N, C-alpha and C. Protein backbone atom coordinates (compact mmCIF):
# COMPACT_ATOMS: atom_id res chain seq x y z
N MET A 1 0.84 -1.29 -0.04
CA MET A 1 -0.01 -0.07 -0.14
C MET A 1 0.89 1.22 -0.01
N HIS A 2 0.90 1.98 -0.98
CA HIS A 2 1.61 3.26 -1.12
C HIS A 2 0.78 4.62 -0.87
N MET A 3 1.22 5.45 -0.16
CA MET A 3 0.35 6.66 0.02
C MET A 3 1.06 7.78 -0.91
N THR A 4 0.28 8.01 -2.05
CA THR A 4 0.86 8.96 -2.97
C THR A 4 -0.24 10.10 -3.21
N HIS A 5 -1.26 10.11 -2.48
CA HIS A 5 -2.35 11.10 -2.74
C HIS A 5 -1.80 12.48 -2.44
N LYS A 6 -2.03 13.36 -3.33
CA LYS A 6 -1.44 14.68 -3.23
C LYS A 6 -2.09 15.51 -2.04
N ALA A 7 -3.49 15.27 -1.94
CA ALA A 7 -4.09 15.94 -0.81
C ALA A 7 -3.58 15.58 0.60
N ILE A 8 -3.17 14.38 0.82
CA ILE A 8 -2.68 13.84 2.00
C ILE A 8 -1.26 14.43 2.30
N ILE A 9 -0.42 14.59 1.21
CA ILE A 9 0.76 15.24 1.45
C ILE A 9 0.64 16.67 1.77
N CYS A 10 -0.38 17.44 1.04
CA CYS A 10 -0.59 18.64 1.46
C CYS A 10 -1.02 19.02 2.88
N LEU A 11 -1.95 17.89 3.39
CA LEU A 11 -2.37 18.15 4.70
C LEU A 11 -1.23 17.85 5.74
N VAL A 12 -0.47 16.87 5.51
CA VAL A 12 0.66 16.58 6.50
C VAL A 12 1.72 17.71 6.44
N SER A 13 1.84 18.35 5.24
CA SER A 13 2.72 19.53 5.26
C SER A 13 2.15 20.70 6.07
N LEU A 14 0.81 20.87 6.03
CA LEU A 14 0.19 22.02 6.68
C LEU A 14 0.35 21.77 8.15
N MET A 15 0.15 20.35 8.70
CA MET A 15 0.34 20.15 10.01
C MET A 15 1.74 20.53 10.52
N LEU A 16 2.68 20.14 9.65
CA LEU A 16 4.21 20.49 10.16
C LEU A 16 4.37 21.98 10.17
N SER A 17 3.67 22.63 9.19
CA SER A 17 3.90 24.30 9.18
C SER A 17 3.07 24.81 10.36
N ALA A 18 1.84 24.29 10.54
CA ALA A 18 1.02 24.84 11.73
C ALA A 18 1.63 24.63 13.09
N CYS A 19 2.42 23.79 13.20
CA CYS A 19 3.08 23.47 14.59
C CYS A 19 4.39 24.44 14.70
N ASN A 20 4.67 25.03 13.72
CA ASN A 20 6.02 25.78 13.81
C ASN A 20 5.92 27.00 14.47
N PHE A 21 5.98 27.00 15.93
CA PHE A 21 5.99 28.14 16.68
C PHE A 21 7.36 28.52 17.20
N ASN A 22 7.81 28.00 18.26
CA ASN A 22 9.22 28.48 18.69
C ASN A 22 10.20 27.37 18.93
N ALA A 23 9.80 26.17 19.04
CA ALA A 23 10.78 24.97 19.35
C ALA A 23 10.84 24.09 18.03
N THR A 24 12.15 23.44 18.07
CA THR A 24 12.18 22.52 16.97
C THR A 24 12.57 21.13 17.56
N ARG A 25 11.82 20.22 17.17
CA ARG A 25 11.80 18.95 17.94
C ARG A 25 13.12 18.11 17.29
N PRO A 26 13.89 17.49 18.11
CA PRO A 26 15.06 16.74 17.63
C PRO A 26 14.57 15.59 16.81
N ASP A 27 15.42 15.12 16.00
CA ASP A 27 14.95 13.95 14.99
C ASP A 27 14.73 12.64 15.92
N LEU A 28 13.78 12.04 15.59
CA LEU A 28 13.47 10.90 16.40
C LEU A 28 14.53 9.88 16.12
N ALA A 29 15.06 9.16 17.10
CA ALA A 29 16.11 8.17 16.87
C ALA A 29 15.73 6.96 16.01
N THR A 30 14.32 6.76 15.87
CA THR A 30 13.97 5.57 15.16
C THR A 30 13.79 5.86 13.73
N ASP A 31 13.82 7.21 13.27
CA ASP A 31 13.78 7.44 11.88
C ASP A 31 14.15 8.89 11.52
N LYS A 32 15.63 8.88 11.32
CA LYS A 32 16.09 10.21 11.09
C LYS A 32 15.93 10.80 9.69
N SER A 33 15.15 10.08 8.87
CA SER A 33 14.86 10.67 7.62
C SER A 33 13.57 11.65 7.69
N GLN A 34 12.99 11.60 8.83
CA GLN A 34 11.69 12.51 9.12
C GLN A 34 12.05 13.78 9.09
N PRO A 35 11.24 14.70 8.43
CA PRO A 35 11.45 16.24 8.64
C PRO A 35 11.17 16.61 9.99
N SER A 36 11.76 17.72 10.33
CA SER A 36 11.87 18.25 11.75
C SER A 36 10.47 18.73 12.17
N THR A 37 10.13 18.32 13.34
CA THR A 37 8.80 19.00 13.93
C THR A 37 9.17 19.36 15.32
N LEU A 38 8.05 19.38 16.21
CA LEU A 38 8.39 20.16 17.39
C LEU A 38 8.41 19.36 18.65
N LYS A 39 8.69 19.84 19.78
CA LYS A 39 8.73 19.03 21.13
C LYS A 39 7.34 18.69 21.53
N GLU A 40 7.20 17.55 22.01
CA GLU A 40 5.94 17.07 22.57
C GLU A 40 5.53 17.99 23.83
N SER A 41 4.24 18.16 23.78
CA SER A 41 3.72 19.04 24.88
C SER A 41 3.77 18.40 26.26
N SER A 42 4.11 19.34 27.30
CA SER A 42 4.01 18.83 28.67
C SER A 42 2.79 19.64 29.33
N ALA A 43 1.77 19.34 28.62
CA ALA A 43 0.49 20.29 29.06
C ALA A 43 0.16 20.05 30.43
N THR A 44 -0.52 21.07 31.02
CA THR A 44 -0.99 21.13 32.44
C THR A 44 -2.47 21.04 32.49
N ALA A 45 -3.18 20.96 31.35
CA ALA A 45 -4.64 20.89 31.36
C ALA A 45 -5.12 19.64 32.03
N ALA A 46 -6.27 19.82 32.74
CA ALA A 46 -6.85 18.56 33.26
C ALA A 46 -7.49 17.73 32.24
N PRO A 47 -7.50 16.47 32.38
CA PRO A 47 -7.93 15.48 31.32
C PRO A 47 -9.48 15.64 31.19
N VAL A 48 -9.79 15.16 30.06
CA VAL A 48 -11.36 15.01 29.97
C VAL A 48 -11.59 13.64 30.17
N ALA A 49 -12.80 13.19 30.33
CA ALA A 49 -13.15 11.73 30.64
C ALA A 49 -12.95 10.97 29.32
N ARG A 50 -12.64 9.75 29.45
CA ARG A 50 -12.33 8.95 28.27
C ARG A 50 -13.49 8.69 27.47
N SER A 51 -14.77 9.00 27.93
CA SER A 51 -16.02 8.95 27.09
C SER A 51 -16.51 10.42 26.83
N SER A 52 -15.55 11.35 26.79
CA SER A 52 -16.10 12.67 26.77
C SER A 52 -16.83 12.90 25.46
N ALA A 53 -17.92 13.77 25.50
CA ALA A 53 -18.63 14.00 24.27
C ALA A 53 -17.97 15.07 23.38
N PHE A 54 -18.38 15.06 22.15
CA PHE A 54 -17.78 15.85 21.31
C PHE A 54 -18.83 16.39 20.31
N ALA A 55 -19.03 17.66 20.20
CA ALA A 55 -20.08 18.18 19.46
C ALA A 55 -19.70 19.26 18.43
N PRO A 56 -19.13 18.93 17.26
CA PRO A 56 -18.66 19.95 16.30
C PRO A 56 -19.94 20.77 15.86
N GLU A 57 -19.55 21.91 15.31
CA GLU A 57 -20.58 22.86 14.94
C GLU A 57 -21.46 22.22 13.79
N THR A 58 -20.72 21.71 12.75
CA THR A 58 -21.31 20.95 11.74
C THR A 58 -21.11 19.39 11.72
N LYS A 59 -22.14 18.65 11.95
CA LYS A 59 -21.88 17.30 12.12
C LYS A 59 -22.02 16.56 10.72
N ARG A 60 -21.06 16.08 10.21
CA ARG A 60 -20.98 15.41 8.98
C ARG A 60 -21.48 13.93 9.03
N PRO A 61 -21.98 13.34 7.82
CA PRO A 61 -22.56 12.12 7.95
C PRO A 61 -21.55 11.14 8.35
N HIS A 62 -21.96 10.04 9.26
CA HIS A 62 -20.98 9.18 9.69
C HIS A 62 -20.81 8.07 8.66
N LEU A 63 -19.53 7.81 8.35
CA LEU A 63 -19.14 6.80 7.26
C LEU A 63 -19.06 5.46 7.84
N PRO A 64 -19.40 4.38 7.26
CA PRO A 64 -19.13 3.05 7.79
C PRO A 64 -17.76 2.82 7.70
N PRO A 65 -17.12 2.00 8.68
CA PRO A 65 -15.76 1.85 8.79
C PRO A 65 -15.32 1.16 7.42
N PRO A 66 -14.11 1.39 6.93
CA PRO A 66 -13.66 0.94 5.78
C PRO A 66 -13.37 -0.62 5.98
N GLU A 67 -13.47 -1.46 5.00
CA GLU A 67 -13.45 -2.93 5.03
C GLU A 67 -12.10 -3.34 5.22
N ASP A 68 -11.00 -2.69 4.72
CA ASP A 68 -9.74 -3.04 4.76
C ASP A 68 -8.65 -1.85 4.63
N ASN A 69 -7.40 -2.18 5.01
CA ASN A 69 -6.55 -1.06 4.86
C ASN A 69 -6.23 -0.60 3.47
N THR A 70 -6.57 -1.27 2.55
CA THR A 70 -6.14 -0.87 1.18
C THR A 70 -6.67 0.19 0.55
N ASN A 71 -7.87 0.65 1.11
CA ASN A 71 -8.56 1.83 0.66
C ASN A 71 -8.66 2.98 1.59
N LEU A 72 -7.86 2.78 2.76
CA LEU A 72 -7.95 3.71 3.87
C LEU A 72 -7.49 5.07 3.56
N TRP A 73 -6.33 5.09 2.61
CA TRP A 73 -5.80 6.53 2.33
C TRP A 73 -6.88 7.15 1.41
N SER A 74 -7.67 6.48 0.66
CA SER A 74 -8.57 7.13 -0.20
C SER A 74 -9.68 7.61 0.53
N VAL A 75 -10.13 6.78 1.60
CA VAL A 75 -11.19 7.33 2.43
C VAL A 75 -10.75 8.65 3.20
N ILE A 76 -9.42 8.61 3.72
CA ILE A 76 -9.09 9.76 4.43
C ILE A 76 -8.96 10.87 3.54
N ALA A 77 -8.46 10.70 2.23
CA ALA A 77 -8.24 11.85 1.21
C ALA A 77 -9.70 12.38 0.86
N ASP A 78 -10.66 11.63 0.82
CA ASP A 78 -12.00 11.93 0.43
C ASP A 78 -12.64 12.79 1.59
N GLU A 79 -12.21 12.71 2.82
CA GLU A 79 -12.71 13.33 3.92
C GLU A 79 -11.96 14.31 4.52
N LEU A 80 -10.95 14.88 3.86
CA LEU A 80 -10.04 15.79 4.53
C LEU A 80 -10.87 17.07 4.57
N GLN A 81 -10.81 17.90 5.70
CA GLN A 81 -11.59 19.05 5.89
C GLN A 81 -10.74 20.25 6.11
N PHE A 82 -9.56 20.24 6.55
CA PHE A 82 -8.71 21.38 6.84
C PHE A 82 -8.35 22.11 5.50
N ASP A 83 -8.33 23.51 5.56
CA ASP A 83 -7.69 24.34 4.51
C ASP A 83 -6.29 24.01 4.42
N ARG A 84 -5.89 23.64 3.18
CA ARG A 84 -4.49 23.19 2.99
C ARG A 84 -3.40 24.30 2.96
N HIS A 85 -3.89 25.53 2.58
CA HIS A 85 -2.83 26.69 2.49
C HIS A 85 -1.76 26.36 1.63
N ILE A 86 -1.97 25.70 0.32
CA ILE A 86 -0.82 25.30 -0.54
C ILE A 86 -0.01 26.23 -1.14
N ASP A 87 -0.60 27.63 -0.93
CA ASP A 87 0.10 28.80 -1.42
C ASP A 87 1.01 29.28 -0.54
N GLN A 88 1.09 28.95 0.70
CA GLN A 88 1.95 29.51 1.67
C GLN A 88 3.38 28.83 1.44
N GLN A 89 4.43 29.52 1.51
CA GLN A 89 5.73 29.17 1.32
C GLN A 89 6.13 28.01 2.40
N SER A 90 5.84 28.08 3.61
CA SER A 90 6.15 27.17 4.54
C SER A 90 5.47 25.82 4.22
N VAL A 91 4.29 25.90 3.67
CA VAL A 91 3.63 24.60 3.20
C VAL A 91 4.18 23.98 1.96
N LYS A 92 4.44 24.97 1.02
CA LYS A 92 5.20 24.62 -0.31
C LYS A 92 6.47 23.81 -0.03
N SER A 93 7.26 24.26 0.81
CA SER A 93 8.54 23.62 1.26
C SER A 93 8.47 22.28 1.81
N LYS A 94 7.36 22.05 2.55
CA LYS A 94 7.19 20.64 3.09
C LYS A 94 6.63 19.62 2.06
N ILE A 95 5.75 20.20 1.17
CA ILE A 95 5.19 19.45 0.16
C ILE A 95 6.28 19.00 -0.81
N ALA A 96 7.29 20.01 -0.99
CA ALA A 96 8.53 19.74 -1.87
C ALA A 96 9.27 18.67 -1.25
N TRP A 97 9.48 18.53 0.03
CA TRP A 97 10.21 17.54 0.84
C TRP A 97 9.50 16.28 0.66
N PHE A 98 8.25 16.12 0.87
CA PHE A 98 7.60 14.81 0.73
C PHE A 98 7.67 14.43 -0.76
N ALA A 99 7.58 15.23 -1.75
CA ALA A 99 7.70 14.92 -3.22
C ALA A 99 9.01 14.17 -3.59
N ARG A 100 10.07 14.71 -2.76
CA ARG A 100 11.26 14.09 -3.06
C ARG A 100 11.58 12.77 -2.26
N HIS A 101 10.73 12.40 -1.38
CA HIS A 101 10.95 11.28 -0.58
C HIS A 101 9.88 10.42 -0.55
N GLN A 102 9.51 9.80 -1.64
CA GLN A 102 8.59 8.78 -1.84
C GLN A 102 8.89 7.57 -0.96
N ASP A 103 10.10 7.24 -0.80
CA ASP A 103 10.47 6.07 -0.07
C ASP A 103 10.19 6.28 1.52
N TYR A 104 10.07 7.48 1.91
CA TYR A 104 9.74 7.71 3.29
C TYR A 104 8.33 7.43 3.36
N LEU A 105 7.50 7.91 2.39
CA LEU A 105 6.02 7.88 2.48
C LEU A 105 5.70 6.33 2.50
N ASP A 106 6.45 5.63 1.70
CA ASP A 106 6.01 4.19 1.61
C ASP A 106 6.39 3.51 2.95
N ARG A 107 7.44 3.73 3.54
CA ARG A 107 7.67 3.22 5.00
C ARG A 107 6.65 3.61 5.89
N VAL A 108 6.23 4.90 5.97
CA VAL A 108 5.22 5.37 6.85
C VAL A 108 3.96 4.57 6.62
N SER A 109 3.55 4.33 5.25
CA SER A 109 2.37 3.83 4.95
C SER A 109 2.37 2.23 5.39
N ASP A 110 3.48 1.58 5.16
CA ASP A 110 3.59 0.16 5.74
C ASP A 110 3.53 0.14 7.34
N ARG A 111 4.14 1.13 7.99
CA ARG A 111 3.98 1.02 9.29
C ARG A 111 2.65 1.40 9.85
N ALA A 112 1.83 2.20 9.16
CA ALA A 112 0.57 2.52 9.60
C ALA A 112 -0.40 1.43 9.37
N ARG A 113 -0.10 0.53 8.51
CA ARG A 113 -1.01 -0.56 8.01
C ARG A 113 -1.62 -1.28 9.20
N PRO A 114 -0.99 -1.76 10.20
CA PRO A 114 -1.72 -2.43 11.42
C PRO A 114 -2.63 -1.56 12.17
N TYR A 115 -2.53 -0.15 12.16
CA TYR A 115 -3.13 0.83 13.10
C TYR A 115 -4.26 1.64 12.45
N LEU A 116 -4.02 1.76 11.24
CA LEU A 116 -4.79 2.98 10.55
C LEU A 116 -6.29 2.75 10.70
N PHE A 117 -6.76 1.46 10.45
CA PHE A 117 -8.26 1.10 10.37
C PHE A 117 -8.79 1.62 11.81
N HIS A 118 -8.13 1.10 12.93
CA HIS A 118 -8.55 1.46 14.35
C HIS A 118 -8.70 2.80 14.39
N ILE A 119 -7.71 3.69 14.02
CA ILE A 119 -7.59 5.16 14.24
C ILE A 119 -8.67 5.73 13.57
N VAL A 120 -8.97 5.49 12.16
CA VAL A 120 -9.96 6.05 11.34
C VAL A 120 -11.31 5.68 11.90
N SER A 121 -11.60 4.41 12.38
CA SER A 121 -12.78 4.08 13.09
C SER A 121 -13.14 4.83 14.21
N GLU A 122 -12.15 5.19 15.18
CA GLU A 122 -12.36 5.96 16.31
C GLU A 122 -12.65 7.40 16.02
N LEU A 123 -12.07 7.87 14.97
CA LEU A 123 -12.30 9.22 14.50
C LEU A 123 -13.69 9.34 13.96
N GLN A 124 -14.06 8.43 13.20
CA GLN A 124 -15.43 8.48 12.81
C GLN A 124 -16.46 8.33 13.94
N ALA A 125 -16.22 7.55 14.80
CA ALA A 125 -17.11 7.28 15.90
C ALA A 125 -17.35 8.51 16.67
N ARG A 126 -16.29 9.26 16.81
CA ARG A 126 -16.40 10.59 17.47
C ARG A 126 -16.69 11.93 16.59
N ASN A 127 -16.80 11.51 15.38
CA ASN A 127 -17.23 12.52 14.35
C ASN A 127 -16.13 13.73 14.34
N MET A 128 -14.91 13.18 14.41
CA MET A 128 -13.70 14.14 14.38
C MET A 128 -13.08 14.10 13.03
N PRO A 129 -12.48 15.02 12.59
CA PRO A 129 -11.96 15.14 11.17
C PRO A 129 -10.98 14.02 10.95
N LEU A 130 -11.03 13.34 9.70
CA LEU A 130 -10.18 12.27 9.42
C LEU A 130 -8.68 12.82 9.29
N ASP A 131 -8.52 14.12 8.91
CA ASP A 131 -7.25 14.69 8.82
C ASP A 131 -6.30 14.32 10.11
N LEU A 132 -6.94 14.05 11.17
CA LEU A 132 -6.09 13.77 12.43
C LEU A 132 -5.51 12.34 12.29
N ALA A 133 -5.84 11.59 11.52
CA ALA A 133 -5.27 10.26 11.34
C ALA A 133 -3.77 10.32 10.73
N LEU A 134 -3.69 11.63 10.31
CA LEU A 134 -2.22 11.90 9.54
C LEU A 134 -1.26 12.46 10.73
N LEU A 135 -1.76 12.80 11.87
CA LEU A 135 -0.95 13.47 12.88
C LEU A 135 0.25 12.51 13.29
N PRO A 136 -0.05 11.17 13.40
CA PRO A 136 1.15 10.32 13.81
C PRO A 136 2.32 10.35 12.79
N ILE A 137 1.90 10.57 11.55
CA ILE A 137 3.12 10.83 10.49
C ILE A 137 3.93 11.87 11.06
N VAL A 138 3.59 12.95 11.53
CA VAL A 138 4.24 14.09 12.06
C VAL A 138 5.01 13.73 13.31
N GLU A 139 4.20 12.95 14.12
CA GLU A 139 4.70 12.96 15.53
C GLU A 139 5.99 11.79 15.55
N SER A 140 5.62 10.51 14.93
CA SER A 140 6.36 9.42 15.07
C SER A 140 6.67 8.82 13.68
N ALA A 141 6.22 9.24 12.46
CA ALA A 141 6.25 8.32 11.34
C ALA A 141 5.60 7.13 11.56
N TYR A 142 4.67 7.03 12.49
CA TYR A 142 3.77 5.76 12.74
C TYR A 142 4.61 4.67 13.21
N HIS A 143 5.80 5.00 13.91
CA HIS A 143 6.78 4.05 14.39
C HIS A 143 6.09 3.72 15.90
N PRO A 144 5.77 2.49 16.28
CA PRO A 144 5.12 2.21 17.50
C PRO A 144 6.25 2.27 18.69
N PHE A 145 7.58 2.13 18.35
CA PHE A 145 8.57 2.35 19.32
C PHE A 145 9.35 3.54 19.23
N ALA A 146 8.73 4.52 18.62
CA ALA A 146 9.50 5.90 18.51
C ALA A 146 9.57 6.32 19.94
N TYR A 147 10.86 6.97 20.16
CA TYR A 147 11.18 7.44 21.43
C TYR A 147 11.93 8.83 21.38
N SER A 148 11.60 9.85 21.76
CA SER A 148 12.24 10.99 21.43
C SER A 148 13.26 11.46 22.70
N PRO A 149 14.09 12.37 22.48
CA PRO A 149 14.90 12.89 23.60
C PRO A 149 14.25 13.45 24.75
N SER A 150 13.03 13.98 24.50
CA SER A 150 12.10 14.47 25.55
C SER A 150 11.39 13.38 26.26
N HIS A 151 11.68 12.15 25.86
CA HIS A 151 11.01 10.91 26.64
C HIS A 151 9.45 10.77 26.04
N ALA A 152 9.21 11.30 24.91
CA ALA A 152 7.84 11.09 24.31
C ALA A 152 7.84 9.73 23.66
N ALA A 153 6.90 8.90 23.91
CA ALA A 153 6.88 7.55 23.31
C ALA A 153 5.55 7.18 22.48
N GLY A 154 5.75 6.19 21.72
CA GLY A 154 4.62 5.68 20.90
C GLY A 154 4.30 6.51 19.75
N ILE A 155 3.29 6.10 18.82
CA ILE A 155 2.91 6.66 17.55
C ILE A 155 2.47 7.97 17.84
N TRP A 156 1.74 8.36 19.06
CA TRP A 156 1.18 9.51 19.43
C TRP A 156 2.09 10.49 20.18
N GLN A 157 3.31 9.89 20.57
CA GLN A 157 4.35 10.76 21.17
C GLN A 157 3.91 11.50 22.44
N PHE A 158 3.38 10.75 23.39
CA PHE A 158 3.18 11.36 24.74
C PHE A 158 4.22 11.25 25.60
N ILE A 159 4.64 12.46 26.30
CA ILE A 159 5.56 12.36 27.36
C ILE A 159 4.94 11.71 28.49
N PRO A 160 5.77 11.27 29.49
CA PRO A 160 5.23 10.39 30.63
C PRO A 160 4.07 11.01 31.55
N ALA A 161 4.26 12.25 31.73
CA ALA A 161 3.12 13.05 32.59
C ALA A 161 1.88 13.06 31.75
N THR A 162 2.03 13.62 30.48
CA THR A 162 0.70 13.74 29.78
C THR A 162 0.06 12.44 29.40
N GLY A 163 0.85 11.31 29.23
CA GLY A 163 0.37 9.99 29.16
C GLY A 163 -0.49 9.56 30.36
N ARG A 164 0.01 9.75 31.45
CA ARG A 164 -0.66 9.40 32.77
C ARG A 164 -1.91 10.25 32.88
N ARG A 165 -1.85 11.47 32.45
CA ARG A 165 -2.96 12.35 32.65
C ARG A 165 -4.11 11.90 31.82
N TYR A 166 -3.75 11.20 30.72
CA TYR A 166 -4.88 10.75 29.76
C TYR A 166 -4.98 9.30 29.76
N GLY A 167 -4.76 8.60 30.91
CA GLY A 167 -5.20 7.31 31.25
C GLY A 167 -4.21 6.23 30.81
N MET A 168 -2.89 6.51 30.44
CA MET A 168 -1.97 5.57 30.02
C MET A 168 -1.08 5.14 31.14
N LYS A 169 -1.36 3.95 31.80
CA LYS A 169 -0.47 3.44 32.80
C LYS A 169 0.95 3.11 32.31
N GLN A 170 1.85 3.36 33.18
CA GLN A 170 3.25 3.18 32.85
C GLN A 170 3.89 2.54 34.01
N ASN A 171 4.52 1.36 33.83
CA ASN A 171 5.37 0.63 34.88
C ASN A 171 6.47 -0.15 34.32
N TRP A 172 7.04 -0.96 35.14
CA TRP A 172 8.34 -1.70 34.54
C TRP A 172 8.16 -2.63 33.38
N TRP A 173 6.78 -2.97 33.08
CA TRP A 173 6.64 -4.02 32.05
C TRP A 173 5.61 -3.42 31.10
N TYR A 174 4.85 -2.39 31.45
CA TYR A 174 3.83 -1.91 30.27
C TYR A 174 3.89 -0.55 30.28
N ASP A 175 3.85 -0.02 29.02
CA ASP A 175 3.78 1.43 28.87
C ASP A 175 2.64 1.70 27.84
N GLY A 176 1.48 2.38 28.54
CA GLY A 176 0.24 2.49 27.80
C GLY A 176 0.46 3.52 26.60
N ARG A 177 1.53 4.22 26.55
CA ARG A 177 1.81 5.15 25.54
C ARG A 177 2.06 4.33 24.13
N ARG A 178 2.61 3.03 24.32
CA ARG A 178 2.78 2.17 23.22
C ARG A 178 1.80 1.18 22.86
N ASP A 179 0.69 1.34 23.64
CA ASP A 179 -0.46 0.60 23.48
C ASP A 179 -1.30 1.31 22.54
N ILE A 180 -1.66 0.80 21.36
CA ILE A 180 -2.18 1.58 20.24
C ILE A 180 -3.67 1.95 20.54
N ILE A 181 -4.47 1.11 21.34
CA ILE A 181 -5.75 1.37 21.72
C ILE A 181 -5.79 2.32 22.82
N ALA A 182 -4.94 2.20 23.85
CA ALA A 182 -4.94 3.24 25.08
C ALA A 182 -4.46 4.55 24.65
N ALA A 183 -3.46 4.59 23.82
CA ALA A 183 -2.75 5.75 23.32
C ALA A 183 -3.79 6.56 22.37
N THR A 184 -4.41 5.79 21.54
CA THR A 184 -5.35 6.60 20.55
C THR A 184 -6.57 7.10 21.46
N VAL A 185 -7.03 6.41 22.34
CA VAL A 185 -8.14 6.93 23.21
C VAL A 185 -7.57 8.37 23.85
N GLY A 186 -6.38 8.27 24.51
CA GLY A 186 -5.83 9.36 25.15
C GLY A 186 -5.59 10.55 24.05
N ALA A 187 -5.11 10.23 23.13
CA ALA A 187 -4.72 11.24 21.97
C ALA A 187 -6.05 11.94 21.54
N LEU A 188 -7.05 11.18 21.19
CA LEU A 188 -8.20 11.95 20.68
C LEU A 188 -9.05 12.61 21.85
N ASP A 189 -8.87 12.14 23.14
CA ASP A 189 -9.44 12.88 24.24
C ASP A 189 -8.83 14.20 24.37
N TYR A 190 -7.42 14.17 24.25
CA TYR A 190 -6.61 15.39 24.32
C TYR A 190 -6.85 16.33 23.34
N LEU A 191 -6.95 15.83 21.99
CA LEU A 191 -7.24 16.72 20.99
C LEU A 191 -8.67 17.36 21.07
N GLN A 192 -9.67 16.58 21.56
CA GLN A 192 -10.94 17.19 21.77
C GLN A 192 -10.91 18.27 22.77
N ALA A 193 -10.07 17.93 23.84
CA ALA A 193 -10.01 19.13 24.92
C ALA A 193 -9.23 20.40 24.41
N LEU A 194 -8.32 20.20 23.59
CA LEU A 194 -7.65 21.35 22.93
C LEU A 194 -8.55 22.03 21.97
N HIS A 195 -9.37 21.38 21.24
CA HIS A 195 -10.25 21.84 20.34
C HIS A 195 -11.24 22.82 20.96
N LYS A 196 -11.68 22.37 22.13
CA LYS A 196 -12.51 23.10 23.02
C LYS A 196 -11.96 24.30 23.53
N ARG A 197 -10.65 24.18 24.06
CA ARG A 197 -9.94 25.18 24.54
C ARG A 197 -9.46 26.31 23.78
N PHE A 198 -9.23 25.88 22.36
CA PHE A 198 -9.01 27.02 21.45
C PHE A 198 -10.15 27.21 20.59
N ASN A 199 -11.37 27.38 21.17
CA ASN A 199 -12.53 27.86 20.63
C ASN A 199 -12.84 27.26 19.29
N GLY A 200 -12.66 25.92 18.97
CA GLY A 200 -12.97 25.15 17.91
C GLY A 200 -12.08 25.30 16.81
N ASN A 201 -10.93 25.95 17.03
CA ASN A 201 -9.80 26.03 16.03
C ASN A 201 -8.99 24.73 15.94
N TRP A 202 -9.01 23.98 14.99
CA TRP A 202 -8.30 22.64 15.03
C TRP A 202 -6.88 22.93 14.67
N LEU A 203 -6.36 23.89 13.91
CA LEU A 203 -5.04 24.17 13.79
C LEU A 203 -4.26 24.63 14.91
N HIS A 204 -4.99 25.53 15.74
CA HIS A 204 -4.38 25.84 17.09
C HIS A 204 -4.31 24.58 17.95
N ALA A 205 -5.33 23.83 17.91
CA ALA A 205 -5.42 22.44 18.73
C ALA A 205 -4.19 21.63 18.35
N ILE A 206 -3.99 21.40 17.14
CA ILE A 206 -2.83 20.59 16.67
C ILE A 206 -1.55 21.11 17.07
N ALA A 207 -1.38 22.46 16.80
CA ALA A 207 -0.14 23.07 17.38
C ALA A 207 0.11 22.96 18.87
N ALA A 208 -0.95 23.01 19.52
CA ALA A 208 -1.00 22.92 21.15
C ALA A 208 -0.55 21.46 21.38
N TYR A 209 -1.19 20.53 20.80
CA TYR A 209 -0.84 19.08 20.93
C TYR A 209 0.64 18.93 20.94
N ASN A 210 1.38 19.58 19.97
CA ASN A 210 2.81 19.37 19.73
C ASN A 210 3.51 20.32 20.57
N ALA A 211 3.18 21.53 20.63
CA ALA A 211 4.19 22.58 21.31
C ALA A 211 3.66 22.88 22.64
N GLY A 212 2.57 22.57 23.15
CA GLY A 212 2.07 22.89 24.49
C GLY A 212 0.93 23.99 24.37
N GLU A 213 0.00 23.83 25.20
CA GLU A 213 -1.10 24.95 25.13
C GLU A 213 -0.66 26.34 25.55
N GLY A 214 0.24 26.28 26.56
CA GLY A 214 0.78 27.57 27.03
C GLY A 214 1.47 28.40 25.99
N ASN A 215 2.43 27.66 25.10
CA ASN A 215 3.21 28.19 24.07
C ASN A 215 2.29 28.87 23.07
N VAL A 216 1.27 27.99 22.63
CA VAL A 216 0.35 28.67 21.60
C VAL A 216 -0.50 29.78 22.04
N GLU A 217 -0.93 29.63 23.36
CA GLU A 217 -1.65 30.77 23.92
C GLU A 217 -0.88 32.08 24.04
N LYS A 218 0.43 31.89 24.50
CA LYS A 218 1.42 33.04 24.50
C LYS A 218 1.55 33.59 23.14
N ALA A 219 1.73 32.78 22.12
CA ALA A 219 1.93 33.21 20.74
C ALA A 219 0.77 34.03 20.16
N ILE A 220 -0.38 33.64 20.69
CA ILE A 220 -1.71 34.34 20.18
C ILE A 220 -1.69 35.70 20.86
N ARG A 221 -1.51 35.58 22.20
CA ARG A 221 -1.44 36.91 22.74
C ARG A 221 -0.49 37.94 22.26
N ARG A 222 0.80 37.45 21.97
CA ARG A 222 1.64 38.36 21.54
C ARG A 222 1.28 38.97 20.18
N ASN A 223 0.69 38.18 19.29
CA ASN A 223 0.21 38.66 18.08
C ASN A 223 -1.00 39.80 18.34
N GLN A 224 -1.88 39.42 19.14
CA GLN A 224 -2.94 40.19 19.36
C GLN A 224 -2.53 41.39 19.94
N LYS A 225 -1.47 41.53 20.84
CA LYS A 225 -1.01 42.78 21.46
C LYS A 225 -0.42 43.72 20.39
N VAL A 226 0.23 43.23 19.23
CA VAL A 226 0.73 44.18 18.33
C VAL A 226 -0.24 44.21 16.99
N GLY A 227 -1.45 43.88 17.04
CA GLY A 227 -2.40 43.88 16.11
C GLY A 227 -2.05 42.89 14.88
N LYS A 228 -1.37 41.83 15.18
CA LYS A 228 -1.17 40.72 14.14
C LYS A 228 -2.28 39.71 14.02
N LYS A 229 -2.22 38.94 12.99
CA LYS A 229 -3.17 37.95 12.96
C LYS A 229 -2.75 36.71 13.81
N THR A 230 -3.95 35.89 14.17
CA THR A 230 -3.38 34.70 15.07
C THR A 230 -3.86 33.51 14.36
N ASP A 231 -4.15 33.48 13.09
CA ASP A 231 -4.37 32.20 12.34
C ASP A 231 -3.07 31.80 11.59
N PHE A 232 -3.27 30.61 10.92
CA PHE A 232 -2.28 30.24 10.24
C PHE A 232 -2.16 30.54 8.75
């Protein structure tokens, strides 16, 4: 299964650009061919319940879960919701990077194969944008044993404190951050909480997931203070 759809490349590029506030994440030791992203959040926000409700302003029709992984990239591509901002230079540069590294996209696609159906199904069940299924590409390249210098682990790259806050047990033999089911529940709960905190702005929520709520809020306040825009 190869991920070649241009729309998906654009969206991943936007996510990389949207998260570009002040920090630069060190390359993951597990895949140094990945483009640079940001440090994982050490957020202090209280967790939401694992069964927390999510009510977007516009409820799209619920899709039946895809039958197998062979068509999941097409399902995601058809359901992308975010503005891709493909005329922005920062996004163009990321698109160009992905266009030069098809082998990287192939590796990511192969790694995602065991997990993508579950993640897409969970997003559909919560009526969340399927664009978010691409977030682990930015975070970990879908590598289940990804581990960063800031001690973030798993495909969703939770640091220990945030992982525990969102229900991921960690002890000498089990790390819930590497448990695809537990980590996906935690990641989607966290993203829903951030979406609410940033007044329904998914790009701010994604940036906060990666850089921390406080960093994003400070950046917004700085721009507001000098009369600059606060969107991406």
